[in-house]
Protein backbone atom coordinates (compact mmCIF):
# COMPACT_ATOMS: atom_id res chain seq x y z
CA UNK A 1 -69.78 -28.83 -64.26
CA UNK A 2 -66.42 -30.28 -64.84
CA UNK A 3 -64.47 -32.67 -62.62
CA UNK A 4 -60.87 -32.36 -61.54
CA UNK A 5 -59.52 -34.59 -64.43
CA UNK A 6 -56.37 -34.94 -62.44
CA UNK A 7 -57.99 -37.61 -60.52
CA UNK A 8 -57.83 -39.78 -63.50
CA UNK A 9 -54.29 -39.71 -63.78
CA UNK A 10 -53.82 -41.26 -60.35
CA UNK A 11 -52.81 -45.13 -60.41
CA UNK A 12 -55.10 -47.36 -58.54
CA UNK A 13 -54.06 -48.03 -55.30
CA UNK A 14 -53.68 -51.60 -55.87
CA UNK A 15 -50.84 -52.37 -53.38
CA UNK A 16 -52.61 -53.50 -50.31
CA UNK A 17 -55.72 -54.49 -51.93
CA UNK A 18 -53.50 -57.00 -54.01
CA UNK A 19 -51.70 -58.15 -51.03
CA UNK A 20 -55.16 -58.74 -49.32
CA UNK A 21 -56.47 -60.85 -51.98
CA UNK A 22 -53.20 -62.94 -52.25
CA UNK A 23 -53.38 -63.79 -48.37
CA UNK A 24 -56.93 -64.50 -48.63
CA UNK A 25 -56.28 -67.28 -51.31
CA UNK A 26 -53.52 -68.55 -49.48
CA UNK A 27 -55.58 -68.75 -46.44
CA UNK A 28 -58.33 -70.43 -48.12
CA UNK A 29 -56.06 -72.87 -49.74
CA UNK A 30 -54.18 -73.50 -46.36
CA UNK A 31 -56.77 -73.27 -43.43
CA UNK A 32 -54.26 -74.51 -40.85
CA UNK A 33 -51.22 -72.51 -41.61
CA UNK A 34 -50.27 -69.56 -39.67
CA UNK A 35 -49.90 -66.14 -41.44
CA UNK A 36 -47.58 -63.73 -39.90
CA UNK A 37 -48.02 -60.01 -40.93
CA UNK A 38 -44.73 -58.12 -41.38
CA UNK A 39 -46.09 -55.51 -43.76
CA UNK A 40 -48.40 -53.49 -41.69
CA UNK A 41 -47.09 -49.96 -40.85
CA UNK A 42 -49.61 -50.01 -37.91
CA UNK A 43 -48.83 -50.05 -34.42
CA UNK A 44 -50.12 -53.20 -32.34
CA UNK A 45 -49.31 -52.07 -28.64
CA UNK A 46 -52.01 -50.41 -26.70
CA UNK A 47 -52.00 -46.61 -25.72
CA UNK A 48 -49.85 -45.57 -22.73
CA UNK A 49 -51.48 -45.34 -19.41
CA UNK A 50 -51.08 -41.67 -19.09
CA UNK A 51 -52.63 -41.23 -22.26
CA UNK A 52 -55.73 -43.14 -21.26
CA UNK A 53 -55.99 -41.44 -17.75
CA UNK A 54 -55.71 -38.14 -19.66
CA UNK A 55 -58.51 -38.75 -21.91
CA UNK A 56 -60.70 -40.34 -19.33
CA UNK A 57 -60.42 -37.16 -17.19
CA UNK A 58 -61.31 -35.08 -19.94
CA UNK A 59 -64.44 -37.02 -20.90
CA UNK A 60 -65.55 -36.42 -17.16
CA UNK A 61 -64.72 -32.82 -17.71
CA UNK A 62 -67.02 -32.94 -20.70
CA UNK A 63 -69.80 -33.98 -18.79
CA UNK A 64 -70.29 -31.23 -16.42
CA UNK A 65 -71.22 -27.64 -17.19
CA UNK A 66 -68.24 -26.08 -15.31
CA UNK A 67 -65.74 -27.78 -17.17
CA UNK A 68 -67.45 -28.29 -20.50
CA UNK A 69 -65.56 -27.50 -23.67
CA UNK A 70 -67.06 -26.21 -26.90
CA UNK A 71 -65.32 -24.85 -30.20
CA UNK A 72 -61.56 -24.65 -29.51
CA UNK A 73 -59.13 -22.86 -31.60
CA UNK A 74 -58.38 -24.86 -35.17
CA UNK A 75 -54.61 -24.10 -34.38
CA UNK A 76 -54.87 -26.32 -31.32
CA UNK A 77 -55.22 -25.38 -27.52
CA UNK A 78 -52.50 -23.61 -25.69
CA UNK A 79 -51.65 -26.37 -23.30
CA UNK A 80 -50.68 -28.83 -26.29
CA UNK A 81 -48.89 -26.32 -28.30
CA UNK A 82 -46.91 -25.24 -25.29
CA UNK A 83 -46.11 -28.78 -24.48
CA UNK A 84 -44.71 -29.70 -28.09
CA UNK A 85 -43.02 -26.35 -27.78
CA UNK A 86 -41.00 -27.59 -24.69
CA UNK A 87 -40.45 -30.74 -26.33
CA UNK A 88 -38.63 -29.11 -29.12
CA UNK A 89 -36.87 -27.06 -26.56
CA UNK A 90 -35.40 -30.26 -25.20
CA UNK A 91 -33.72 -30.64 -28.59
CA UNK A 92 -32.15 -27.29 -28.56
CA UNK A 93 -34.80 -25.89 -31.00
CA UNK A 94 -36.51 -22.65 -29.82
CA UNK A 95 -40.22 -22.40 -31.19
CA UNK A 96 -43.19 -20.13 -30.47
CA UNK A 97 -46.52 -21.55 -29.92
CA UNK A 98 -47.89 -19.74 -32.79
CA UNK A 99 -45.44 -21.68 -35.05
CA UNK A 100 -47.34 -24.90 -34.06
CA UNK A 101 -50.51 -26.17 -35.57
CA UNK A 102 -52.14 -29.20 -34.16
CA UNK A 103 -53.75 -31.60 -36.56
CA UNK A 104 -55.28 -34.81 -36.96
CA UNK A 105 -52.03 -36.00 -38.44
CA UNK A 106 -49.30 -35.68 -40.72
CA UNK A 107 -50.85 -37.19 -43.52
CA UNK A 108 -53.67 -34.82 -43.58
CA UNK A 109 -51.32 -31.89 -43.25
CA UNK A 110 -48.86 -33.01 -45.96
CA UNK A 111 -51.53 -33.22 -48.32
CA UNK A 112 -53.26 -29.88 -47.07
CA UNK A 113 -50.34 -27.74 -47.23
CA UNK A 114 -50.50 -27.67 -50.91
CA UNK A 115 -53.46 -25.17 -50.48
CA UNK A 116 -51.07 -22.32 -49.83
CA UNK A 117 -48.76 -22.96 -52.74
CA UNK A 118 -49.09 -22.38 -56.40
CA UNK A 119 -50.05 -25.26 -58.84
CA UNK A 120 -47.11 -23.69 -61.15
CA UNK A 121 -44.78 -25.10 -58.65
CA UNK A 122 -42.25 -27.81 -59.61
CA UNK A 123 -42.24 -30.44 -56.96
CA UNK A 124 -39.31 -32.56 -56.13
CA UNK A 125 -40.23 -36.03 -54.78
CA UNK A 126 -38.04 -39.18 -53.70
CA UNK A 127 -38.57 -42.61 -55.25
CA UNK A 128 -39.31 -44.84 -53.58
CA UNK A 129 -41.80 -42.70 -51.53
CA UNK A 130 -44.58 -42.56 -49.24
CA UNK A 131 -47.68 -42.38 -51.58
CA UNK A 132 -49.34 -39.62 -50.26
CA UNK A 133 -46.49 -37.10 -51.34
CA UNK A 134 -47.27 -38.04 -55.04
CA UNK A 135 -50.94 -38.71 -55.31
CA UNK A 136 -51.51 -34.99 -53.74
CA UNK A 137 -49.57 -33.56 -56.20
CA UNK A 138 -51.00 -35.53 -58.91
CA UNK A 139 -54.31 -34.40 -57.65
CA UNK A 140 -53.74 -30.77 -58.26
CA UNK A 141 -51.64 -30.82 -61.51
CA UNK A 142 -48.27 -30.13 -60.03
CA UNK A 143 -45.10 -30.76 -62.03
CA UNK A 144 -43.38 -33.70 -60.53
CA UNK A 145 -39.51 -34.45 -61.01
CA UNK A 146 -37.82 -37.21 -58.60
CA UNK A 147 -34.89 -37.74 -56.77
CA UNK A 148 -33.76 -41.36 -57.08
CA UNK A 149 -32.90 -43.61 -53.86
CA UNK A 150 -31.04 -46.80 -54.44
CA UNK A 151 -28.58 -49.21 -52.92
CA UNK A 152 -25.65 -46.90 -54.17
CA UNK A 153 -26.87 -43.93 -52.03
CA UNK A 154 -28.33 -46.19 -49.26
CA UNK A 155 -31.80 -44.92 -50.30
CA UNK A 156 -30.66 -41.28 -49.28
CA UNK A 157 -30.89 -39.25 -52.38
CA UNK A 158 -29.05 -35.83 -52.33
CA UNK A 159 -29.62 -32.80 -54.62
CA UNK A 160 -28.69 -33.32 -57.95
CA UNK A 161 -26.84 -30.72 -60.45
CA UNK A 162 -29.20 -29.19 -62.83
CA UNK A 163 -32.38 -30.20 -61.12
CA UNK A 164 -34.48 -27.36 -59.98
CA UNK A 165 -37.51 -27.39 -57.82
CA UNK A 166 -39.88 -25.09 -55.62
CA UNK A 167 -41.10 -27.62 -53.44
CA UNK A 168 -38.99 -30.51 -52.01
CA UNK A 169 -40.55 -33.61 -50.02
CA UNK A 170 -37.93 -35.29 -47.40
CA UNK A 171 -38.88 -37.86 -44.66
CA UNK A 172 -36.30 -39.06 -42.16
CA UNK A 173 -36.49 -41.41 -40.72
CA UNK A 174 -37.89 -42.68 -44.17
CA UNK A 175 -41.01 -44.75 -44.99
CA UNK A 176 -40.83 -47.07 -46.81
CA UNK A 177 -37.11 -47.48 -46.33
CA UNK A 178 -36.11 -46.68 -42.94
CA UNK A 179 -32.83 -44.89 -43.81
CA UNK A 180 -31.97 -41.84 -41.67
CA UNK A 181 -30.20 -38.45 -43.18
CA UNK A 182 -27.33 -37.40 -40.84
CA UNK A 183 -26.73 -33.54 -40.04
CA UNK A 184 -24.39 -32.88 -43.10
CA UNK A 185 -26.79 -34.60 -45.69
CA UNK A 186 -29.55 -32.57 -44.37
CA UNK A 187 -27.35 -29.34 -44.32
CA UNK A 188 -26.57 -29.79 -47.86
CA UNK A 189 -30.64 -30.16 -48.55
CA UNK A 190 -31.22 -26.99 -46.76
CA UNK A 191 -28.56 -25.19 -48.42
CA UNK A 192 -29.76 -26.47 -51.71
CA UNK A 193 -33.54 -25.22 -50.69
CA UNK A 194 -32.15 -21.72 -50.02
CA UNK A 195 -30.23 -21.43 -53.09
CA UNK A 196 -33.37 -22.61 -55.07
CA UNK A 197 -35.74 -20.29 -53.04
CA UNK A 198 -37.69 -23.51 -52.48
CA UNK A 199 -39.52 -25.06 -49.55
CA UNK A 200 -38.79 -28.34 -47.78
CA UNK A 201 -41.73 -30.29 -46.45
CA UNK A 202 -39.90 -32.46 -43.93
CA UNK A 203 -42.03 -35.18 -42.54
CA UNK A 204 -40.49 -36.56 -39.19
CA UNK A 205 -43.20 -39.09 -38.24
CA UNK A 206 -40.80 -41.39 -37.07
CA UNK A 207 -38.38 -39.07 -35.16
CA UNK A 208 -38.73 -40.83 -31.96
CA UNK A 209 -37.12 -44.07 -33.07
CA UNK A 210 -33.80 -42.48 -34.10
CA UNK A 211 -31.38 -43.92 -31.47
CA UNK A 212 -28.14 -42.58 -32.54
CA UNK A 213 -28.01 -39.19 -30.70
CA UNK A 214 -25.56 -37.84 -33.89
CA UNK A 215 -28.53 -37.95 -36.14
CA UNK A 216 -31.17 -35.04 -36.17
CA UNK A 217 -34.83 -35.64 -35.23
CA UNK A 218 -35.69 -32.13 -36.35
CA UNK A 219 -34.79 -30.50 -39.60
CA UNK A 220 -34.78 -27.15 -37.20
CA UNK A 221 -31.66 -28.56 -35.68
CA UNK A 222 -29.86 -27.52 -39.05
CA UNK A 223 -28.90 -24.00 -39.41
CA UNK A 224 -30.97 -22.28 -42.01
CA UNK A 225 -33.82 -24.38 -41.90
CA UNK A 226 -36.39 -22.04 -40.37
CA UNK A 227 -35.99 -20.10 -43.39
CA UNK A 228 -36.60 -22.85 -45.81
CA UNK A 229 -38.79 -25.82 -44.22
CA UNK A 230 -42.03 -26.93 -42.72
CA UNK A 231 -41.92 -29.75 -40.30
CA UNK A 232 -44.70 -32.50 -40.18
CA UNK A 233 -44.98 -34.81 -36.89
CA UNK A 234 -47.36 -37.43 -35.91
CA UNK A 235 -48.26 -39.19 -32.53
CA UNK A 236 -49.36 -42.15 -34.68
CA UNK A 237 -46.27 -44.34 -34.07
CA UNK A 238 -44.68 -42.01 -31.29
CA UNK A 239 -47.47 -42.84 -28.97
CA UNK A 240 -49.82 -45.16 -30.61
CA UNK A 241 -52.16 -42.77 -31.98
CA UNK A 242 -53.22 -44.33 -35.33
CA UNK A 243 -56.53 -44.79 -34.38
CA UNK A 244 -56.90 -41.68 -32.00
CA UNK A 245 -55.45 -39.26 -34.54
CA UNK A 246 -53.36 -36.47 -33.38
CA UNK A 247 -50.27 -34.73 -35.01
CA UNK A 248 -48.71 -31.40 -35.45
CA UNK A 249 -47.34 -29.15 -38.10
CA UNK A 250 -44.55 -26.22 -37.54
CA UNK A 251 -44.47 -23.06 -39.79
CA UNK A 252 -41.68 -21.01 -38.70
CA UNK A 253 -42.49 -17.24 -38.39
CA UNK A 254 -39.23 -16.50 -40.41
CA UNK A 255 -40.69 -18.47 -43.49
CA UNK A 256 -41.50 -16.07 -45.94
CA UNK A 257 -41.94 -15.67 -49.85
CA UNK A 258 -42.41 -12.65 -51.70
CA UNK A 259 -43.08 -10.74 -48.39
CA UNK A 260 -45.65 -13.23 -47.39
CA UNK A 261 -45.80 -15.12 -44.34
CA UNK A 262 -46.60 -18.62 -44.94
CA UNK A 263 -47.44 -19.12 -41.41
CA UNK A 264 -50.23 -16.59 -41.64
CA UNK A 265 -51.36 -18.33 -45.10
CA UNK A 266 -51.43 -21.62 -43.31
CA UNK A 267 -53.25 -20.05 -40.07
CA UNK A 268 -55.81 -18.56 -42.52
CA UNK A 269 -56.22 -22.02 -44.19
CA UNK A 270 -56.49 -23.87 -41.15
CA UNK A 271 -59.21 -21.56 -39.76
CA UNK A 272 -61.08 -21.69 -42.85
CA UNK A 273 -61.09 -25.38 -43.73
CA UNK A 274 -60.28 -27.11 -40.26
CA UNK A 275 -62.31 -27.66 -37.37
CA UNK A 276 -59.52 -28.75 -35.08
CA UNK A 277 -58.85 -31.80 -33.17
CA UNK A 278 -61.19 -32.75 -30.33
CA UNK A 279 -60.43 -31.61 -26.77
CA UNK A 280 -60.32 -35.17 -25.37
CA UNK A 281 -57.80 -36.18 -27.81
CA UNK A 282 -55.50 -33.17 -27.40
CA UNK A 283 -55.48 -33.77 -23.54
CA UNK A 284 -54.36 -37.25 -24.35
CA UNK A 285 -51.68 -36.05 -26.56
CA UNK A 286 -50.38 -33.38 -23.80
CA UNK A 287 -49.94 -36.37 -21.61
CA UNK A 288 -47.61 -37.83 -24.15
CA UNK A 289 -45.13 -34.85 -23.41
CA UNK A 290 -45.28 -35.38 -19.71
CA UNK A 291 -42.18 -37.41 -18.32
CA UNK A 292 -44.20 -40.16 -17.31
CA UNK A 293 -45.74 -40.25 -20.82
CA UNK A 294 -42.32 -40.40 -22.60
CA UNK A 295 -41.34 -42.98 -20.53
CA UNK A 296 -44.26 -45.10 -21.40
CA UNK A 297 -43.95 -44.10 -25.20
CA UNK A 298 -40.31 -45.24 -25.04
CA UNK A 299 -41.26 -48.44 -23.53
CA UNK A 300 -43.30 -49.22 -26.65
CA UNK A 301 -40.74 -47.99 -28.99
CA UNK A 302 -38.07 -50.14 -27.46
CA UNK A 303 -40.12 -52.93 -27.70
CA UNK A 304 -40.86 -52.16 -31.61
CA UNK A 305 -36.79 -51.52 -31.94
CA UNK A 306 -36.21 -54.79 -30.17
CA UNK A 307 -38.28 -56.62 -32.84
CA UNK A 308 -36.09 -54.46 -35.54
CA UNK A 309 -33.35 -55.89 -34.29
CA UNK A 310 -34.06 -59.46 -34.44
CA UNK A 311 -35.27 -59.20 -38.04
CA UNK A 312 -32.05 -57.33 -38.83
CA UNK A 313 -30.05 -60.00 -36.94
CA UNK A 314 -31.66 -62.53 -39.17
CA UNK A 315 -31.08 -60.94 -42.39
CA UNK A 316 -27.29 -60.34 -41.39
CA UNK A 317 -26.87 -64.36 -40.78
CA UNK A 318 -28.54 -64.66 -44.12
CA UNK A 319 -26.17 -62.23 -45.89
CA UNK A 320 -28.99 -60.23 -47.33
CA UNK A 321 -28.61 -56.44 -47.88
CA UNK A 322 -30.95 -53.97 -46.04
CA UNK A 323 -31.09 -50.22 -44.81
CA UNK A 324 -33.31 -49.55 -41.79
CA UNK A 325 -34.17 -51.35 -38.61
CA UNK A 326 -31.40 -49.47 -36.27
CA UNK A 327 -33.11 -46.00 -36.10
CA UNK A 328 -36.27 -46.64 -37.59
CA UNK A 329 -39.17 -49.46 -37.49
CA UNK A 330 -38.92 -50.33 -41.00
CA UNK A 331 -36.28 -52.83 -42.77
CA UNK A 332 -35.97 -52.38 -46.59
CA UNK A 333 -33.98 -55.44 -47.77
CA UNK A 334 -33.00 -56.45 -51.39
CA UNK A 335 -34.72 -59.60 -52.47
CA UNK A 336 -32.48 -62.30 -52.63
CA UNK A 337 -31.74 -64.37 -55.80
CA UNK A 338 -32.45 -61.61 -57.87
CA UNK A 339 -36.16 -61.83 -57.27
CA UNK A 340 -38.82 -59.19 -58.10
CA UNK A 341 -40.48 -57.61 -55.46
CA UNK A 342 -43.91 -59.47 -56.07
CA UNK A 343 -42.01 -62.84 -56.69
CA UNK A 344 -40.38 -62.50 -53.22
CA UNK A 345 -43.79 -61.74 -51.97
CA UNK A 346 -45.06 -64.91 -53.18
CA UNK A 347 -42.15 -66.86 -52.30
CA UNK A 348 -42.57 -65.98 -48.38
CA UNK A 349 -46.28 -66.31 -48.37
CA UNK A 350 -46.19 -69.87 -50.12
CA UNK A 351 -43.33 -71.08 -48.24
CA UNK A 352 -43.51 -69.52 -44.98
CA UNK A 353 -46.75 -67.91 -44.57
CA UNK A 354 -44.98 -64.68 -44.12
CA UNK A 355 -46.49 -61.34 -45.32
CA UNK A 356 -44.39 -58.38 -46.12
CA UNK A 357 -44.84 -55.20 -48.56
CA UNK A 358 -43.37 -55.53 -52.03
CA UNK A 359 -40.93 -52.49 -52.63
CA UNK A 360 -42.23 -51.84 -56.24
CA UNK A 361 -45.64 -50.60 -54.49
CA UNK A 362 -43.61 -47.76 -53.45
CA UNK A 363 -42.06 -46.56 -56.76
CA UNK A 364 -40.30 -47.86 -59.83
CA UNK A 365 -37.06 -47.58 -57.53
CA UNK A 366 -38.53 -50.01 -55.20
CA UNK A 367 -38.63 -52.78 -57.77
CA UNK A 368 -36.37 -55.79 -56.35
CA UNK A 369 -36.87 -54.45 -52.83
CA UNK A 370 -39.24 -55.59 -49.92
CA UNK A 371 -40.14 -54.00 -46.61
CA UNK A 372 -40.63 -55.51 -43.40
CA UNK A 373 -41.93 -53.93 -40.37
CA UNK A 374 -41.26 -54.23 -36.62
CA UNK A 375 -44.82 -53.40 -35.58
CA UNK A 376 -46.01 -56.65 -34.31
CA UNK A 377 -46.10 -59.41 -31.55
CA UNK A 378 -42.61 -60.57 -30.60
CA UNK A 379 -43.20 -63.93 -30.59
CA UNK A 380 -44.63 -63.71 -34.18
CA UNK A 381 -41.57 -61.97 -35.19
CA UNK A 382 -39.21 -64.65 -34.04
CA UNK A 383 -41.36 -67.43 -35.48
CA UNK A 384 -41.35 -65.48 -38.74
CA UNK A 385 -37.67 -65.04 -38.74
CA UNK A 386 -36.96 -68.66 -37.97
CA UNK A 387 -39.14 -69.50 -40.95
CA UNK A 388 -37.30 -67.43 -43.20
CA UNK A 389 -34.15 -68.86 -42.17
CA UNK A 390 -35.32 -72.12 -43.02
CA UNK A 391 -36.48 -71.50 -46.35
CA UNK A 392 -33.51 -69.24 -47.44
């Protein structure tokens, strides 16, 4: 018996455990001081009423023989796939229901999609980066090369001359930076992928936070993308499903390599290795895409984005450089005074009782930067910003 030695190449996931340890030490030494957490990427507002009502109704259906549901299709029930299809139609993106696969979230599918690709592929990953992209490729022994986000390119790296890749990870709006690609930028990525005969894995988990109507909310709004891109989305931030778990992946029929349909490969993978999302959860997800459900989700998103505006306004007053916060719930700021990411973390915690996320935890290019999130209580956001203005 041999283990997968690639796991030994993973760096310890110390970021949030280190944060928890530092916060624990601070609260033990300062039991009367309030700690305001602006580092968490989890939502804080409850599920929309339409979603709760639909799930309660579904629970009732499971309690009677006439409406009970057993095993469902691994790729999702037609009612939810059709709801997602209609959602895309409103974006002027035409999908077939068979191109949509319901899952328990984007994170799972972003890792599992690698099952249909060879380990010999070269994988292009942004730096800084959402950790699942890198770690899942290290686990399988793939060759990884990086594209570099930095202040000069507003943390929106573009294709680089001489860099070849087979699989390309893009996230827009980006986690952790909150930066968003425009149409021209995504078109260059699509053209690059087509030229390279590569596949773009496009993470659009935060697409509903985009307010600028000129910005794309789906890779398929870009000409040619159906021939080179797989899109992943989640209801975690859209509808507060972080504890309910539901998302979807789109694999177009046109996406083929060597005459093999990637849609069929993914269907085969899912029907073999995935049990599907529970009926009750899928009924709740269906309610998200109703007019009433979308209005309720928008109210929560508006709340978070108003929080982001408070944070961004404070940074503007202080003259601190940042990206994000306008079309994303994340604000990625340059640490003032030349401080390192962890130095600024300690400074905020010790002097203001405010917790954020050190950018260094997302890759080498995150050093010297810091992430704040808009997921939180408005009163706490305002208080935190007042404290930060006072100490800076």
